Amino acid sequence: MSEFVLLFRRDYTTAELQPTPEQYQEHLKHWQAWYGKLNAEDKLARPVQRIDQTGRISRRYNSVENGPYTEVKESIGGLIIIKADDYDQAAEIAKGCPILEVGGNVEIRMAV
């Protein structure tokens, strides 16, 4: 069994795409159910990792800038590391991710 990183992305900046507080609370229930299912199936390799919406970008020649880029609307909101046999199984797991309900996407990478 291998480990795969699932990176969760969506547009966190466009005001009209943001959920209301009530919608957000309902959406959180979907995340909790999905994580609970993955945990019950022993598919979570490591704890859930949420990342801050701000950050820094390090570039060549010791340049460091505020980031992520404001002109890019889609940004990473979190990640988990799962256990799966292969990319196909990891993709099946990703299909159930609640980020897809709000127009987001899941990037799948093998953890090495």
C-alpha atoms as a PDB file:
ATOM      1  CA  MET A   1       0.000   0.000   0.000  1.00  0.00           C
ATOM      2  CA  SER A   2       1.270   3.477  -0.892  1.00  0.00           C
ATOM      3  CA  GLU A   3       0.619   6.921   0.540  1.00  0.00           C
ATOM      4  CA  PHE A   4      -0.939   9.705  -1.528  1.00  0.00           C
ATOM      5  CA  VAL A   5      -1.302  13.392  -0.774  1.00  0.00           C
ATOM      6  CA  LEU A   6      -4.712  14.895  -1.528  1.00  0.00           C
ATOM      7  CA  LEU A   7      -4.440  18.686  -1.928  1.00  0.00           C
ATOM      8  CA  PHE A   8      -7.728  20.564  -1.650  1.00  0.00           C
ATOM      9  CA  ARG A   9      -8.126  23.674  -3.793  1.00  0.00           C
ATOM     10  CA  ARG A  10     -10.905  26.143  -4.397  1.00  0.00           C
ATOM     11  CA  ASP A  11     -11.577  29.832  -4.940  1.00  0.00           C
ATOM     12  CA  TYR A  12     -11.358  31.445  -1.507  1.00  0.00           C
ATOM     13  CA  THR A  13     -11.411  35.058  -2.722  1.00  0.00           C
ATOM     14  CA  THR A  14     -14.449  35.633  -4.979  1.00  0.00           C
ATOM     15  CA  ALA A  15     -17.129  36.933  -2.603  1.00  0.00           C
ATOM     16  CA  GLU A  16     -20.146  35.476  -4.417  1.00  0.00           C
ATOM     17  CA  LEU A  17     -18.617  31.973  -4.336  1.00  0.00           C
ATOM     18  CA  GLN A  18     -18.200  31.936  -0.553  1.00  0.00           C
ATOM     19  CA  PRO A  19     -20.766  29.992   1.467  1.00  0.00           C
ATOM     20  CA  THR A  20     -23.041  31.655   3.972  1.00  0.00           C
ATOM     21  CA  PRO A  21     -22.373  30.747   7.612  1.00  0.00           C
ATOM     22  CA  GLU A  22     -25.256  28.265   7.468  1.00  0.00           C
ATOM     23  CA  GLN A  23     -23.983  26.693   4.246  1.00  0.00           C
ATOM     24  CA  TYR A  24     -20.497  26.496   5.729  1.00  0.00           C
ATOM     25  CA  GLN A  25     -21.777  24.659   8.816  1.00  0.00           C
ATOM     26  CA  GLU A  26     -23.623  22.160   6.620  1.00  0.00           C
ATOM     27  CA  HIS A  27     -20.536  21.746   4.440  1.00  0.00           C
ATOM     28  CA  LEU A  28     -18.408  21.007   7.526  1.00  0.00           C
ATOM     29  CA  LYS A  29     -20.739  18.113   8.327  1.00  0.00           C
ATOM     30  CA  HIS A  30     -19.932  16.610   4.923  1.00  0.00           C
ATOM     31  CA  TRP A  31     -16.193  16.904   5.658  1.00  0.00           C
ATOM     32  CA  GLN A  32     -16.640  15.257   9.046  1.00  0.00           C
ATOM     33  CA  ALA A  33     -18.601  12.383   7.501  1.00  0.00           C
ATOM     34  CA  TRP A  34     -16.008  11.915   4.745  1.00  0.00           C
ATOM     35  CA  TYR A  35     -13.075  11.927   7.194  1.00  0.00           C
ATOM     36  CA  GLY A  36     -14.964   9.578   9.478  1.00  0.00           C
ATOM     37  CA  LYS A  37     -15.519   7.155   6.598  1.00  0.00           C
ATOM     38  CA  LEU A  38     -11.840   7.292   5.589  1.00  0.00           C
ATOM     39  CA  ASN A  39     -10.788   6.740   9.192  1.00  0.00           C
ATOM     40  CA  ALA A  40     -13.191   3.808   9.624  1.00  0.00           C
ATOM     41  CA  GLU A  41     -11.798   2.242   6.438  1.00  0.00           C
ATOM     42  CA  ASP A  42      -8.220   2.782   7.699  1.00  0.00           C
ATOM     43  CA  LYS A  43      -7.441   4.975   4.670  1.00  0.00           C
ATOM     44  CA  LEU A  44      -6.031   7.967   6.582  1.00  0.00           C
ATOM     45  CA  ALA A  45      -2.265   7.726   6.767  1.00  0.00           C
ATOM     46  CA  ARG A  46      -1.723  10.943   8.698  1.00  0.00           C
ATOM     47  CA  PRO A  47      -3.876  13.528  10.451  1.00  0.00           C
ATOM     48  CA  VAL A  48      -5.728  16.188   8.518  1.00  0.00           C
ATOM     49  CA  GLN A  49      -3.580  19.188   7.727  1.00  0.00           C
ATOM     50  CA  ARG A  50      -5.192  22.580   7.302  1.00  0.00           C
ATOM     51  CA  ILE A  51      -3.021  25.395   6.059  1.00  0.00           C
ATOM     52  CA  ASP A  52      -3.232  29.140   6.493  1.00  0.00           C
ATOM     53  CA  GLN A  53      -4.668  31.198   3.619  1.00  0.00           C
ATOM     54  CA  THR A  54      -1.648  33.507   3.668  1.00  0.00           C
ATOM     55  CA  GLY A  55       1.960  32.565   3.182  1.00  0.00           C
ATOM     56  CA  ARG A  56       5.198  33.393   1.429  1.00  0.00           C
ATOM     57  CA  ILE A  57       6.688  32.534  -1.930  1.00  0.00           C
ATOM     58  CA  SER A  58      10.404  31.827  -2.033  1.00  0.00           C
ATOM     59  CA  ARG A  59      12.098  32.413  -5.366  1.00  0.00           C
ATOM     60  CA  ARG A  60      15.552  32.100  -6.827  1.00  0.00           C
ATOM     61  CA  TYR A  61      18.194  34.575  -5.723  1.00  0.00           C
ATOM     62  CA  ASN A  62      16.851  34.760  -2.151  1.00  0.00           C
ATOM     63  CA  SER A  63      13.688  36.611  -3.079  1.00  0.00           C
ATOM     64  CA  VAL A  64      10.765  36.104  -0.719  1.00  0.00           C
ATOM     65  CA  GLU A  65       7.331  37.551  -1.489  1.00  0.00           C
ATOM     66  CA  ASN A  66       3.969  37.538   0.193  1.00  0.00           C
ATOM     67  CA  GLY A  67       1.772  34.850  -1.238  1.00  0.00           C
ATOM     68  CA  PRO A  68      -0.112  32.987  -2.465  1.00  0.00           C
ATOM     69  CA  TYR A  69      -0.603  35.093  -5.546  1.00  0.00           C
ATOM     70  CA  THR A  70      -3.588  37.390  -5.281  1.00  0.00           C
ATOM     71  CA  GLU A  71      -4.201  37.210  -9.017  1.00  0.00           C
ATOM     72  CA  VAL A  72      -4.716  33.456  -8.723  1.00  0.00           C
ATOM     73  CA  LYS A  73      -8.182  32.893  -7.287  1.00  0.00           C
ATOM     74  CA  GLU A  74      -7.785  29.194  -6.597  1.00  0.00           C
ATOM     75  CA  SER A  75      -5.546  28.275  -3.696  1.00  0.00           C
ATOM     76  CA  ILE A  76      -4.767  25.272  -1.525  1.00  0.00           C
ATOM     77  CA  GLY A  77      -6.912  25.137   1.592  1.00  0.00           C
ATOM     78  CA  GLY A  78      -5.692  21.905   3.113  1.00  0.00           C
ATOM     79  CA  LEU A  79      -4.408  18.413   2.558  1.00  0.00           C
ATOM     80  CA  ILE A  80      -4.513  14.887   3.876  1.00  0.00           C
ATOM     81  CA  ILE A  81      -2.331  11.872   3.307  1.00  0.00           C
ATOM     82  CA  ILE A  82      -4.199   8.685   2.535  1.00  0.00           C
ATOM     83  CA  LYS A  83      -3.346   5.045   2.002  1.00  0.00           C
ATOM     84  CA  ALA A  84      -4.266   3.507  -1.346  1.00  0.00           C
ATOM     85  CA  ASP A  85      -3.055   0.689  -3.562  1.00  0.00           C
ATOM     86  CA  ASP A  86      -2.500   2.924  -6.587  1.00  0.00           C
ATOM     87  CA  TYR A  87      -3.492   6.188  -8.278  1.00  0.00           C
ATOM     88  CA  ASP A  88      -6.816   4.700  -9.398  1.00  0.00           C
ATOM     89  CA  GLN A  89      -7.829   3.860  -5.842  1.00  0.00           C
ATOM     90  CA  ALA A  90      -6.606   7.279  -4.612  1.00  0.00           C
ATOM     91  CA  ALA A  91      -8.704   8.951  -7.335  1.00  0.00           C
ATOM     92  CA  GLU A  92     -11.772   6.975  -6.228  1.00  0.00           C
ATOM     93  CA  ILE A  93     -11.247   8.189  -2.673  1.00  0.00           C
ATOM     94  CA  ALA A  94     -10.815  11.777  -3.930  1.00  0.00           C
ATOM     95  CA  LYS A  95     -14.151  11.597  -5.785  1.00  0.00           C
ATOM     96  CA  GLY A  96     -15.924  11.672  -2.428  1.00  0.00           C
ATOM     97  CA  CYS A  97     -14.178  14.815  -1.211  1.00  0.00           C
ATOM     98  CA  PRO A  98     -16.592  17.571  -0.123  1.00  0.00           C
ATOM     99  CA  ILE A  99     -14.424  20.276  -1.740  1.00  0.00           C
ATOM    100  CA  LEU A 100     -15.966  19.167  -5.039  1.00  0.00           C
ATOM    101  CA  GLU A 101     -19.403  20.290  -3.774  1.00  0.00           C
ATOM    102  CA  VAL A 102     -18.230  23.913  -3.682  1.00  0.00           C
ATOM    103  CA  GLY A 103     -16.455  24.015  -7.039  1.00  0.00           C
ATOM    104  CA  GLY A 104     -13.060  22.996  -5.747  1.00  0.00           C
ATOM    105  CA  ASN A 105     -10.758  20.236  -6.899  1.00  0.00           C
ATOM    106  CA  VAL A 106      -8.430  17.641  -5.444  1.00  0.00           C
ATOM    107  CA  GLU A 107      -4.876  17.199  -6.670  1.00  0.00           C
ATOM    108  CA  ILE A 108      -3.499  13.703  -6.079  1.00  0.00           C
ATOM    109  CA  ARG A 109       0.215  13.106  -5.640  1.00  0.00           C
ATOM    110  CA  MET A 110       2.103  10.035  -4.504  1.00  0.00           C
ATOM    111  CA  ALA A 111       3.956  10.700  -1.254  1.00  0.00           C
ATOM    112  CA  VAL A 112       7.574   9.664  -1.647  1.00  0.00           C
END
